[in-house]
């Protein structure tokens, strides 16, 4: 089969990884909030209503920290779907071979949700249906 992802997690592996990255996810959300307060748009990498990243041609230090966290998570196979909400997905292979996402949002306990790749967050189903 052709899969979109090379790294896949079992539910147990995803929960273990989650325990190790919760602090990163919290920091990611805090950095995004600080950048929002400064008027920095992380998606266009610019200040809203301004020109250039800043007068020195460099990103704010919070942006550098955010990029480092996103790179680390991505390198570990974790997909960040929502910086503001702390929404992450873990690629998973169901018993039938279907590639799906185990889905977690900041503030939830263990991973209790999953969804097909096309359905996204709005199609979340309880882990008991996996």
N, C-alpha and C. Protein backbone atom coordinates (compact mmCIF):
# COMPACT_ATOMS: atom_id res chain seq x y z
N UNK A 1 0.82 -1.19 0.00
CA UNK A 1 0.00 0.00 0.00
C UNK A 1 0.87 1.25 0.00
N UNK A 2 0.33 2.30 -0.57
CA UNK A 2 1.00 3.59 -0.52
C UNK A 2 0.41 4.41 0.63
N UNK A 3 1.28 4.79 1.53
CA UNK A 3 0.85 5.57 2.69
C UNK A 3 1.40 6.98 2.59
N UNK A 4 0.68 7.91 3.18
CA UNK A 4 1.14 9.31 3.20
C UNK A 4 2.30 9.52 4.16
N UNK A 5 2.39 8.66 5.17
CA UNK A 5 3.39 8.85 6.22
C UNK A 5 4.30 7.63 6.34
N UNK A 6 5.54 7.87 6.70
CA UNK A 6 6.49 6.77 6.90
C UNK A 6 6.53 6.31 8.35
N UNK A 7 6.12 7.18 9.26
CA UNK A 7 6.09 6.84 10.69
C UNK A 7 4.64 6.62 11.10
N UNK A 8 4.38 5.48 11.74
CA UNK A 8 3.04 5.18 12.26
C UNK A 8 3.16 4.78 13.72
N UNK A 9 2.17 5.13 14.49
CA UNK A 9 2.16 4.87 15.93
C UNK A 9 1.05 3.88 16.27
N UNK A 10 1.35 2.97 17.20
CA UNK A 10 0.27 2.22 17.83
C UNK A 10 -0.37 3.19 18.83
N UNK A 11 -1.52 2.85 19.36
CA UNK A 11 -2.16 3.72 20.35
C UNK A 11 -1.25 3.89 21.57
N UNK A 12 -0.64 2.80 21.99
CA UNK A 12 0.26 2.87 23.16
C UNK A 12 1.46 3.77 22.87
N UNK A 13 2.05 3.62 21.69
CA UNK A 13 3.20 4.47 21.32
C UNK A 13 2.81 5.94 21.24
N UNK A 14 1.62 6.20 20.69
CA UNK A 14 1.16 7.59 20.58
C UNK A 14 0.93 8.20 21.96
N UNK A 15 0.35 7.44 22.88
CA UNK A 15 0.15 7.96 24.25
C UNK A 15 1.47 8.18 24.96
N UNK A 16 2.45 7.26 24.74
CA UNK A 16 3.78 7.45 25.33
C UNK A 16 4.44 8.72 24.77
N UNK A 17 4.36 8.89 23.46
CA UNK A 17 4.94 10.07 22.81
C UNK A 17 4.25 11.33 23.33
N UNK A 18 2.94 11.26 23.48
CA UNK A 18 2.17 12.40 23.98
C UNK A 18 2.66 12.83 25.36
N UNK A 19 2.91 11.87 26.23
CA UNK A 19 3.43 12.20 27.56
C UNK A 19 4.73 12.98 27.46
N UNK A 20 5.54 12.65 26.44
CA UNK A 20 6.85 13.29 26.27
C UNK A 20 6.78 14.64 25.59
N UNK A 21 5.67 14.94 24.90
CA UNK A 21 5.60 16.19 24.14
C UNK A 21 4.57 17.19 24.68
N UNK A 22 3.86 16.85 25.73
CA UNK A 22 2.84 17.77 26.25
C UNK A 22 3.44 19.12 26.62
N UNK A 23 4.63 19.13 27.19
CA UNK A 23 5.28 20.40 27.55
C UNK A 23 5.60 21.20 26.29
N UNK A 24 6.04 20.52 25.23
CA UNK A 24 6.31 21.20 23.95
C UNK A 24 5.04 21.80 23.38
N UNK A 25 3.94 21.07 23.47
CA UNK A 25 2.67 21.56 22.92
C UNK A 25 2.21 22.79 23.71
N UNK A 26 2.35 22.73 25.01
CA UNK A 26 1.99 23.89 25.84
C UNK A 26 2.86 25.09 25.50
N UNK A 27 4.15 24.86 25.34
CA UNK A 27 5.07 25.94 24.99
C UNK A 27 4.75 26.49 23.59
N UNK A 28 4.41 25.61 22.66
CA UNK A 28 4.03 26.02 21.31
C UNK A 28 2.84 26.99 21.37
N UNK A 29 1.84 26.64 22.18
CA UNK A 29 0.65 27.48 22.32
C UNK A 29 1.00 28.82 22.97
N UNK A 30 1.87 28.80 23.97
CA UNK A 30 2.29 30.04 24.65
C UNK A 30 3.05 30.96 23.70
N UNK A 31 3.95 30.38 22.91
CA UNK A 31 4.72 31.18 21.96
C UNK A 31 3.80 31.80 20.92
N UNK A 32 2.83 31.04 20.45
CA UNK A 32 1.88 31.56 19.46
C UNK A 32 1.09 32.72 20.06
N UNK A 33 0.66 32.58 21.30
CA UNK A 33 -0.09 33.64 21.98
C UNK A 33 0.76 34.91 22.09
N UNK A 34 2.04 34.75 22.45
CA UNK A 34 2.93 35.91 22.56
C UNK A 34 3.12 36.58 21.20
N UNK A 35 3.26 35.78 20.16
CA UNK A 35 3.42 36.34 18.82
C UNK A 35 2.15 37.07 18.37
N UNK A 36 1.00 36.51 18.71
CA UNK A 36 -0.28 37.17 18.40
C UNK A 36 -0.35 38.53 19.09
N UNK A 37 0.08 38.57 20.35
CA UNK A 37 0.04 39.82 21.11
C UNK A 37 0.96 40.88 20.50
N UNK A 38 2.04 40.43 19.88
CA UNK A 38 2.97 41.35 19.22
C UNK A 38 2.48 41.75 17.82
N UNK A 39 1.41 41.11 17.36
CA UNK A 39 0.90 41.39 16.03
C UNK A 39 1.66 40.66 14.94
N UNK A 40 2.34 39.58 15.30
CA UNK A 40 3.12 38.81 14.33
C UNK A 40 2.28 37.66 13.81
N UNK A 41 2.11 37.59 12.50
CA UNK A 41 1.33 36.53 11.86
C UNK A 41 2.28 35.38 11.54
N UNK A 42 2.17 34.28 12.29
CA UNK A 42 3.10 33.16 12.09
C UNK A 42 2.91 32.47 10.75
N UNK A 43 1.74 32.62 10.15
CA UNK A 43 1.48 31.94 8.88
C UNK A 43 2.05 32.68 7.69
N UNK A 44 2.15 34.01 7.78
CA UNK A 44 2.77 34.76 6.70
C UNK A 44 4.16 35.26 7.09
N UNK A 45 4.55 34.98 8.32
CA UNK A 45 5.86 35.37 8.85
C UNK A 45 6.08 36.88 8.77
N UNK A 46 5.05 37.65 9.12
CA UNK A 46 5.20 39.10 9.10
C UNK A 46 4.34 39.72 10.19
N UNK A 47 4.68 40.97 10.50
CA UNK A 47 3.87 41.72 11.44
C UNK A 47 2.67 42.26 10.70
N UNK A 48 1.52 42.17 11.32
CA UNK A 48 0.30 42.69 10.71
C UNK A 48 0.38 44.21 10.68
N UNK A 49 0.21 44.77 9.51
CA UNK A 49 0.25 46.22 9.38
C UNK A 49 1.65 46.79 9.33
N UNK A 50 2.66 45.94 9.24
CA UNK A 50 4.03 46.42 9.20
C UNK A 50 4.75 45.88 7.97
N UNK A 51 5.99 46.24 7.84
CA UNK A 51 6.77 45.74 6.71
C UNK A 51 7.97 44.95 7.23
N UNK A 52 8.22 43.82 6.64
CA UNK A 52 9.34 42.99 7.06
C UNK A 52 9.09 42.35 8.41
N UNK A 53 9.82 41.29 8.72
CA UNK A 53 9.64 40.63 10.01
C UNK A 53 9.84 41.59 11.17
N UNK A 54 10.84 42.43 11.09
CA UNK A 54 11.04 43.55 12.02
C UNK A 54 12.14 44.42 11.43
N UNK A 55 12.51 45.45 12.11
CA UNK A 55 13.49 46.38 11.56
C UNK A 55 14.86 45.77 11.30
N UNK A 56 15.14 44.64 11.94
CA UNK A 56 16.45 44.02 11.82
C UNK A 56 16.47 42.87 10.82
N UNK A 57 15.33 42.57 10.22
CA UNK A 57 15.29 41.49 9.24
C UNK A 57 15.38 40.11 9.87
N UNK A 58 15.03 40.00 11.13
CA UNK A 58 15.08 38.71 11.83
C UNK A 58 13.71 38.42 12.45
N UNK A 59 13.44 37.16 12.63
CA UNK A 59 12.19 36.78 13.29
C UNK A 59 12.28 37.06 14.78
N UNK A 60 11.13 37.30 15.42
CA UNK A 60 11.14 37.42 16.89
C UNK A 60 11.63 36.09 17.48
N UNK A 61 12.26 36.17 18.64
CA UNK A 61 12.80 34.94 19.25
C UNK A 61 11.71 33.92 19.50
N UNK A 62 10.47 34.37 19.76
CA UNK A 62 9.37 33.43 19.97
C UNK A 62 9.10 32.62 18.71
N UNK A 63 9.29 33.24 17.54
CA UNK A 63 9.06 32.53 16.28
C UNK A 63 10.12 31.45 16.10
N UNK A 64 11.36 31.77 16.44
CA UNK A 64 12.44 30.77 16.36
C UNK A 64 12.12 29.58 17.26
N UNK A 65 11.64 29.87 18.48
CA UNK A 65 11.28 28.79 19.41
C UNK A 65 10.14 27.96 18.87
N UNK A 66 9.15 28.62 18.29
CA UNK A 66 8.00 27.91 17.71
C UNK A 66 8.45 27.01 16.57
N UNK A 67 9.29 27.52 15.70
CA UNK A 67 9.79 26.72 14.57
C UNK A 67 10.57 25.51 15.08
N UNK A 68 11.37 25.70 16.10
CA UNK A 68 12.15 24.57 16.65
C UNK A 68 11.23 23.48 17.18
N UNK A 69 10.17 23.87 17.89
CA UNK A 69 9.22 22.88 18.42
C UNK A 69 8.52 22.16 17.27
N UNK A 70 8.05 22.91 16.29
CA UNK A 70 7.36 22.30 15.15
C UNK A 70 8.27 21.33 14.39
N UNK A 71 9.52 21.70 14.22
CA UNK A 71 10.47 20.80 13.54
C UNK A 71 10.67 19.51 14.33
N UNK A 72 10.85 19.67 15.64
CA UNK A 72 11.06 18.50 16.50
C UNK A 72 9.87 17.55 16.43
N UNK A 73 8.67 18.09 16.54
CA UNK A 73 7.47 17.26 16.49
C UNK A 73 7.35 16.59 15.13
N UNK A 74 7.57 17.35 14.07
CA UNK A 74 7.50 16.81 12.72
C UNK A 74 8.52 15.69 12.53
N UNK A 75 9.74 15.90 12.99
CA UNK A 75 10.79 14.88 12.87
C UNK A 75 10.42 13.60 13.61
N UNK A 76 9.62 13.74 14.68
CA UNK A 76 9.19 12.58 15.45
C UNK A 76 7.95 11.91 14.86
N UNK A 77 7.42 12.47 13.76
CA UNK A 77 6.25 11.88 13.12
C UNK A 77 4.92 12.42 13.61
N UNK A 78 4.96 13.43 14.49
CA UNK A 78 3.74 14.03 15.03
C UNK A 78 3.31 15.16 14.10
N UNK A 79 2.02 15.21 13.77
CA UNK A 79 1.50 16.22 12.86
C UNK A 79 0.75 17.27 13.66
N UNK A 80 1.23 18.50 13.61
CA UNK A 80 0.56 19.60 14.30
C UNK A 80 -0.53 20.13 13.38
N UNK A 81 -1.76 20.06 13.85
CA UNK A 81 -2.91 20.50 13.06
C UNK A 81 -3.47 21.83 13.53
N UNK A 82 -3.16 22.22 14.75
CA UNK A 82 -3.67 23.49 15.27
C UNK A 82 -2.76 24.03 16.35
N UNK A 83 -2.00 25.06 16.02
CA UNK A 83 -1.06 25.64 16.99
C UNK A 83 -1.82 26.27 18.14
N UNK A 84 -2.88 27.02 17.83
CA UNK A 84 -3.63 27.74 18.88
C UNK A 84 -4.28 26.80 19.88
N UNK A 85 -4.84 25.69 19.39
CA UNK A 85 -5.58 24.76 20.25
C UNK A 85 -4.74 23.59 20.74
N UNK A 86 -3.50 23.50 20.28
CA UNK A 86 -2.68 22.37 20.67
C UNK A 86 -3.23 21.07 20.10
N UNK A 87 -3.59 21.10 18.83
CA UNK A 87 -4.21 19.95 18.17
C UNK A 87 -3.13 19.19 17.38
N UNK A 88 -2.97 17.90 17.72
CA UNK A 88 -1.97 17.08 17.04
C UNK A 88 -2.57 15.74 16.63
N UNK A 89 -2.01 15.20 15.55
CA UNK A 89 -2.40 13.89 15.05
C UNK A 89 -1.18 12.98 15.01
N UNK A 90 -1.46 11.69 15.19
CA UNK A 90 -0.43 10.66 15.12
C UNK A 90 -0.85 9.66 14.04
N UNK A 91 -0.10 9.54 12.95
CA UNK A 91 -0.47 8.56 11.92
C UNK A 91 -0.53 7.15 12.52
N UNK A 92 -1.54 6.40 12.12
CA UNK A 92 -1.79 5.07 12.67
C UNK A 92 -2.32 4.18 11.55
N UNK A 93 -1.99 2.90 11.61
CA UNK A 93 -2.53 1.93 10.65
C UNK A 93 -3.54 1.05 11.37
N UNK A 94 -4.78 1.08 10.87
CA UNK A 94 -5.82 0.21 11.43
C UNK A 94 -5.53 -1.23 11.03
N UNK A 95 -6.20 -2.17 11.69
CA UNK A 95 -6.00 -3.59 11.39
C UNK A 95 -6.28 -3.91 9.93
N UNK A 96 -7.17 -3.15 9.28
CA UNK A 96 -7.49 -3.39 7.88
C UNK A 96 -6.50 -2.72 6.93
N UNK A 97 -5.46 -2.07 7.49
CA UNK A 97 -4.43 -1.43 6.67
C UNK A 97 -4.71 0.03 6.35
N UNK A 98 -5.88 0.54 6.75
CA UNK A 98 -6.21 1.94 6.46
C UNK A 98 -5.36 2.87 7.32
N UNK A 99 -4.79 3.87 6.67
CA UNK A 99 -4.02 4.88 7.38
C UNK A 99 -4.99 5.95 7.91
N UNK A 100 -4.96 6.16 9.23
CA UNK A 100 -5.84 7.13 9.88
C UNK A 100 -5.00 7.95 10.86
N UNK A 101 -5.64 8.90 11.51
CA UNK A 101 -4.95 9.70 12.51
C UNK A 101 -5.55 9.47 13.89
N UNK A 102 -4.68 9.22 14.87
CA UNK A 102 -5.06 9.27 16.27
C UNK A 102 -4.99 10.76 16.63
N UNK A 103 -6.04 11.27 17.22
CA UNK A 103 -6.22 12.72 17.35
C UNK A 103 -6.26 13.13 18.82
N UNK A 104 -5.53 14.19 19.16
CA UNK A 104 -5.50 14.69 20.53
C UNK A 104 -5.47 16.21 20.51
N UNK A 105 -6.17 16.81 21.46
CA UNK A 105 -6.21 18.26 21.62
C UNK A 105 -5.80 18.60 23.04
N UNK A 106 -5.04 19.67 23.18
CA UNK A 106 -4.57 20.11 24.48
C UNK A 106 -5.73 20.19 25.48
N UNK A 107 -5.51 19.65 26.67
CA UNK A 107 -6.52 19.64 27.70
C UNK A 107 -7.21 18.29 27.84
N UNK A 108 -7.09 17.45 26.81
CA UNK A 108 -7.65 16.10 26.90
C UNK A 108 -6.67 15.22 27.66
N UNK A 109 -7.14 14.08 28.15
CA UNK A 109 -6.26 13.14 28.85
C UNK A 109 -5.47 12.33 27.83
N UNK A 110 -5.61 11.02 27.89
CA UNK A 110 -5.00 10.16 26.89
C UNK A 110 -5.72 10.36 25.56
N UNK A 111 -5.17 9.77 24.52
CA UNK A 111 -5.79 9.84 23.20
C UNK A 111 -7.06 9.00 23.22
N UNK A 112 -8.19 9.65 22.96
CA UNK A 112 -9.48 8.98 22.96
C UNK A 112 -10.22 9.12 21.64
N UNK A 113 -9.57 9.71 20.62
CA UNK A 113 -10.23 9.99 19.36
C UNK A 113 -9.35 9.60 18.17
N UNK A 114 -10.00 9.31 17.07
CA UNK A 114 -9.30 9.06 15.81
C UNK A 114 -10.20 9.54 14.68
N UNK A 115 -9.62 9.73 13.51
CA UNK A 115 -10.41 10.09 12.33
C UNK A 115 -9.68 9.67 11.07
N UNK A 116 -10.45 9.51 10.01
CA UNK A 116 -9.82 9.23 8.72
C UNK A 116 -9.09 10.49 8.27
N UNK A 117 -8.17 10.33 7.38
CA UNK A 117 -7.40 11.48 6.91
C UNK A 117 -8.31 12.49 6.21
N UNK A 118 -9.20 12.05 5.29
CA UNK A 118 -10.06 13.04 4.63
C UNK A 118 -11.08 13.70 5.56
N UNK A 119 -11.56 12.99 6.59
CA UNK A 119 -12.59 13.55 7.47
C UNK A 119 -12.07 14.65 8.39
N UNK A 120 -10.84 14.55 8.81
CA UNK A 120 -10.27 15.56 9.69
C UNK A 120 -10.96 15.61 11.05
N UNK A 121 -10.68 16.69 11.78
CA UNK A 121 -11.14 16.85 13.16
C UNK A 121 -12.66 16.71 13.28
N UNK A 122 -13.39 17.23 12.31
CA UNK A 122 -14.86 17.19 12.39
C UNK A 122 -15.39 15.77 12.31
N UNK A 123 -14.57 14.84 11.84
CA UNK A 123 -15.00 13.45 11.74
C UNK A 123 -14.46 12.57 12.85
N UNK A 124 -14.06 13.20 13.96
CA UNK A 124 -13.49 12.40 15.06
C UNK A 124 -14.46 11.37 15.57
N UNK A 125 -13.92 10.18 15.83
CA UNK A 125 -14.72 9.08 16.39
C UNK A 125 -14.00 8.57 17.63
N UNK A 126 -14.78 7.98 18.53
CA UNK A 126 -14.21 7.45 19.76
C UNK A 126 -13.24 6.31 19.44
N UNK A 127 -12.19 6.24 20.24
CA UNK A 127 -11.14 5.25 20.03
C UNK A 127 -11.69 3.82 20.08
N UNK A 128 -12.83 3.63 20.75
CA UNK A 128 -13.43 2.30 20.83
C UNK A 128 -13.88 1.81 19.45
N UNK A 129 -14.04 2.72 18.50
CA UNK A 129 -14.46 2.36 17.14
C UNK A 129 -13.28 2.13 16.20
N UNK A 130 -12.09 2.19 16.73
CA UNK A 130 -10.89 2.03 15.91
C UNK A 130 -10.79 0.61 15.38
